[in-house]
Amino acid sequence: MRDTQPPITDHEEYLGYQRARDKLTQFVAERETHLFEALAAADQELIEDRRAELLTALRKRQGIIDAIRDYERHQQQSA
């Protein structure tokens, strides 16, 4: 499951997507930490909430990564 992002149309957008990827990577790491804390507390409801948060963040991040890869592929083919 991935969140589809709009295609990147120029280099400026490409840089913005890279910044967004980096921010989401940090956000994912924080969500992972929250999940591990919930697991340590053995709180099932909290664990499920943290899993949902992590899944949402991972889907958004993967959508951005896919858009970046598509743009890079297109740029290589155009060169």
N, C-alpha and C. Protein backbone atom coordinates (compact mmCIF):
# COMPACT_ATOMS: atom_id res chain seq x y z
N MET A 1 0.83 -1.18 0.00
CA MET A 1 0.00 0.00 0.00
C MET A 1 0.87 1.24 0.00
N ARG A 2 0.58 2.11 -0.95
CA ARG A 2 1.33 3.35 -1.03
C ARG A 2 0.38 4.49 -1.33
N ASP A 3 0.73 5.66 -0.85
CA ASP A 3 0.00 6.85 -1.23
C ASP A 3 0.64 7.38 -2.50
N THR A 4 -0.15 7.52 -3.54
CA THR A 4 0.37 8.02 -4.81
C THR A 4 0.50 9.53 -4.74
N GLN A 5 1.64 10.01 -5.16
CA GLN A 5 1.92 11.44 -5.19
C GLN A 5 1.84 11.95 -6.63
N PRO A 6 1.55 13.22 -6.80
CA PRO A 6 1.55 13.78 -8.16
C PRO A 6 2.94 13.65 -8.77
N PRO A 7 3.03 13.50 -10.08
CA PRO A 7 4.34 13.40 -10.71
C PRO A 7 5.15 14.69 -10.51
N ILE A 8 6.42 14.53 -10.43
CA ILE A 8 7.33 15.68 -10.31
C ILE A 8 7.53 16.24 -11.72
N THR A 9 7.37 17.55 -11.85
CA THR A 9 7.43 18.15 -13.18
C THR A 9 8.69 18.96 -13.45
N ASP A 10 9.43 19.32 -12.40
CA ASP A 10 10.66 20.09 -12.63
C ASP A 10 11.64 19.88 -11.48
N HIS A 11 12.83 20.43 -11.67
CA HIS A 11 13.90 20.21 -10.70
C HIS A 11 13.56 20.82 -9.33
N GLU A 12 12.88 21.94 -9.33
CA GLU A 12 12.51 22.58 -8.07
C GLU A 12 11.57 21.68 -7.25
N GLU A 13 10.59 21.10 -7.92
CA GLU A 13 9.69 20.15 -7.25
C GLU A 13 10.47 18.93 -6.76
N TYR A 14 11.41 18.48 -7.58
CA TYR A 14 12.25 17.34 -7.22
C TYR A 14 12.97 17.60 -5.90
N LEU A 15 13.53 18.78 -5.76
CA LEU A 15 14.23 19.14 -4.52
C LEU A 15 13.25 19.18 -3.35
N GLY A 16 12.05 19.69 -3.60
CA GLY A 16 11.04 19.72 -2.55
C GLY A 16 10.62 18.33 -2.11
N TYR A 17 10.49 17.43 -3.06
CA TYR A 17 10.15 16.04 -2.73
C TYR A 17 11.28 15.40 -1.91
N GLN A 18 12.51 15.72 -2.25
CA GLN A 18 13.63 15.17 -1.48
C GLN A 18 13.59 15.68 -0.03
N ARG A 19 13.28 16.97 0.13
CA ARG A 19 13.16 17.52 1.49
C ARG A 19 12.02 16.84 2.25
N ALA A 20 10.90 16.64 1.57
CA ALA A 20 9.76 15.98 2.20
C ALA A 20 10.11 14.55 2.60
N ARG A 21 10.83 13.85 1.71
CA ARG A 21 11.27 12.48 2.03
C ARG A 21 12.12 12.47 3.29
N ASP A 22 13.05 13.42 3.38
CA ASP A 22 13.94 13.47 4.54
C ASP A 22 13.17 13.76 5.83
N LYS A 23 12.20 14.67 5.76
CA LYS A 23 11.38 14.97 6.94
C LYS A 23 10.54 13.77 7.34
N LEU A 24 9.97 13.08 6.34
CA LEU A 24 9.16 11.91 6.65
C LEU A 24 10.01 10.77 7.18
N THR A 25 11.24 10.66 6.73
CA THR A 25 12.13 9.63 7.26
C THR A 25 12.34 9.84 8.75
N GLN A 26 12.55 11.09 9.14
CA GLN A 26 12.70 11.42 10.56
C GLN A 26 11.39 11.14 11.32
N PHE A 27 10.27 11.51 10.71
CA PHE A 27 8.96 11.28 11.32
C PHE A 27 8.72 9.78 11.52
N VAL A 28 9.08 8.97 10.52
CA VAL A 28 8.92 7.52 10.62
C VAL A 28 9.76 6.98 11.79
N ALA A 29 10.97 7.47 11.93
CA ALA A 29 11.83 7.02 13.04
C ALA A 29 11.18 7.34 14.39
N GLU A 30 10.57 8.52 14.49
CA GLU A 30 9.89 8.89 15.73
C GLU A 30 8.69 7.97 15.97
N ARG A 31 7.93 7.67 14.93
CA ARG A 31 6.77 6.79 15.08
C ARG A 31 7.22 5.38 15.48
N GLU A 32 8.37 4.94 14.95
CA GLU A 32 8.91 3.63 15.33
C GLU A 32 9.23 3.61 16.82
N THR A 33 9.84 4.68 17.30
CA THR A 33 10.17 4.78 18.72
C THR A 33 8.90 4.73 19.56
N HIS A 34 7.87 5.44 19.13
CA HIS A 34 6.60 5.42 19.87
C HIS A 34 6.00 4.01 19.90
N LEU A 35 6.11 3.30 18.79
CA LEU A 35 5.60 1.93 18.75
C LEU A 35 6.38 1.03 19.71
N PHE A 36 7.70 1.15 19.71
CA PHE A 36 8.51 0.33 20.62
C PHE A 36 8.17 0.63 22.08
N GLU A 37 7.91 1.89 22.38
CA GLU A 37 7.52 2.25 23.75
C GLU A 37 6.18 1.63 24.11
N ALA A 38 5.24 1.63 23.17
CA ALA A 38 3.93 1.01 23.41
C ALA A 38 4.07 -0.49 23.60
N LEU A 39 4.94 -1.11 22.81
CA LEU A 39 5.18 -2.55 22.95
C LEU A 39 5.75 -2.87 24.33
N ALA A 40 6.67 -2.02 24.78
CA ALA A 40 7.27 -2.24 26.11
C ALA A 40 6.23 -2.09 27.21
N ALA A 41 5.26 -1.22 27.00
CA ALA A 41 4.20 -1.01 28.00
C ALA A 41 3.13 -2.10 27.91
N ALA A 42 3.15 -2.88 26.83
CA ALA A 42 2.19 -3.97 26.60
C ALA A 42 0.74 -3.46 26.62
N ASP A 43 0.55 -2.26 26.11
CA ASP A 43 -0.80 -1.66 26.03
C ASP A 43 -1.34 -1.90 24.63
N GLN A 44 -2.23 -2.88 24.49
CA GLN A 44 -2.70 -3.31 23.16
C GLN A 44 -3.36 -2.19 22.37
N GLU A 45 -4.17 -1.38 23.01
CA GLU A 45 -4.84 -0.29 22.30
C GLU A 45 -3.82 0.73 21.82
N LEU A 46 -2.87 1.06 22.67
CA LEU A 46 -1.82 2.00 22.29
C LEU A 46 -0.95 1.42 21.18
N ILE A 47 -0.66 0.13 21.25
CA ILE A 47 0.12 -0.53 20.21
C ILE A 47 -0.57 -0.40 18.86
N GLU A 48 -1.86 -0.67 18.82
CA GLU A 48 -2.60 -0.56 17.55
C GLU A 48 -2.61 0.87 17.03
N ASP A 49 -2.78 1.84 17.92
CA ASP A 49 -2.74 3.26 17.51
C ASP A 49 -1.38 3.61 16.92
N ARG A 50 -0.32 3.16 17.58
CA ARG A 50 1.03 3.46 17.10
C ARG A 50 1.32 2.75 15.78
N ARG A 51 0.82 1.53 15.61
CA ARG A 51 1.00 0.83 14.33
C ARG A 51 0.31 1.58 13.20
N ALA A 52 -0.87 2.07 13.46
CA ALA A 52 -1.61 2.83 12.45
C ALA A 52 -0.87 4.10 12.07
N GLU A 53 -0.33 4.81 13.06
CA GLU A 53 0.44 6.03 12.80
C GLU A 53 1.66 5.71 11.94
N LEU A 54 2.36 4.63 12.29
CA LEU A 54 3.56 4.24 11.56
C LEU A 54 3.21 3.85 10.13
N LEU A 55 2.15 3.08 9.96
CA LEU A 55 1.74 2.66 8.62
C LEU A 55 1.41 3.86 7.73
N THR A 56 0.68 4.82 8.28
CA THR A 56 0.33 6.02 7.52
C THR A 56 1.59 6.78 7.09
N ALA A 57 2.52 6.95 8.00
CA ALA A 57 3.76 7.66 7.69
C ALA A 57 4.57 6.91 6.63
N LEU A 58 4.65 5.59 6.76
CA LEU A 58 5.40 4.79 5.79
C LEU A 58 4.78 4.86 4.40
N ARG A 59 3.46 4.84 4.33
CA ARG A 59 2.78 4.92 3.03
C ARG A 59 3.06 6.25 2.35
N LYS A 60 2.98 7.34 3.10
CA LYS A 60 3.25 8.66 2.53
C LYS A 60 4.71 8.76 2.07
N ARG A 61 5.60 8.27 2.90
CA ARG A 61 7.02 8.31 2.55
C ARG A 61 7.30 7.49 1.29
N GLN A 62 6.71 6.31 1.21
CA GLN A 62 6.94 5.45 0.04
C GLN A 62 6.39 6.10 -1.23
N GLY A 63 5.26 6.77 -1.13
CA GLY A 63 4.71 7.47 -2.29
C GLY A 63 5.66 8.55 -2.79
N ILE A 64 6.28 9.25 -1.87
CA ILE A 64 7.26 10.28 -2.25
C ILE A 64 8.49 9.63 -2.87
N ILE A 65 8.96 8.55 -2.27
CA ILE A 65 10.12 7.85 -2.83
C ILE A 65 9.82 7.35 -4.24
N ASP A 66 8.63 6.81 -4.46
CA ASP A 66 8.25 6.34 -5.79
C ASP A 66 8.25 7.49 -6.80
N ALA A 67 7.72 8.65 -6.40
CA ALA A 67 7.68 9.80 -7.30
C ALA A 67 9.10 10.27 -7.63
N ILE A 68 9.98 10.27 -6.65
CA ILE A 68 11.38 10.66 -6.88
C ILE A 68 12.03 9.68 -7.86
N ARG A 69 11.84 8.40 -7.64
CA ARG A 69 12.44 7.40 -8.54
C ARG A 69 11.91 7.52 -9.96
N ASP A 70 10.61 7.76 -10.09
CA ASP A 70 10.03 7.94 -11.42
C ASP A 70 10.64 9.15 -12.12
N TYR A 71 10.79 10.24 -11.40
CA TYR A 71 11.38 11.45 -11.98
C TYR A 71 12.82 11.19 -12.40
N GLU A 72 13.60 10.55 -11.52
CA GLU A 72 14.99 10.26 -11.84
C GLU A 72 15.10 9.34 -13.06
N ARG A 73 14.24 8.34 -13.13
CA ARG A 73 14.22 7.44 -14.29
C ARG A 73 13.92 8.21 -15.57
N HIS A 74 12.94 9.07 -15.50
CA HIS A 74 12.54 9.88 -16.66
C HIS A 74 13.69 10.80 -17.08
N GLN A 75 14.37 11.37 -16.10
CA GLN A 75 15.49 12.27 -16.43
C GLN A 75 16.64 11.51 -17.09
N GLN A 76 16.89 10.30 -16.64
CA GLN A 76 17.95 9.49 -17.23
C GLN A 76 17.60 9.09 -18.65
N GLN A 77 16.33 8.78 -18.90
CA GLN A 77 15.90 8.39 -20.23
C GLN A 77 15.92 9.58 -21.18
N SER A 78 15.71 10.78 -20.65
CA SER A 78 15.69 11.98 -21.48
C SER A 78 17.09 12.48 -21.81
N ALA A 79 18.07 12.04 -21.03
CA ALA A 79 19.45 12.53 -21.21
C ALA A 79 20.14 11.86 -22.38
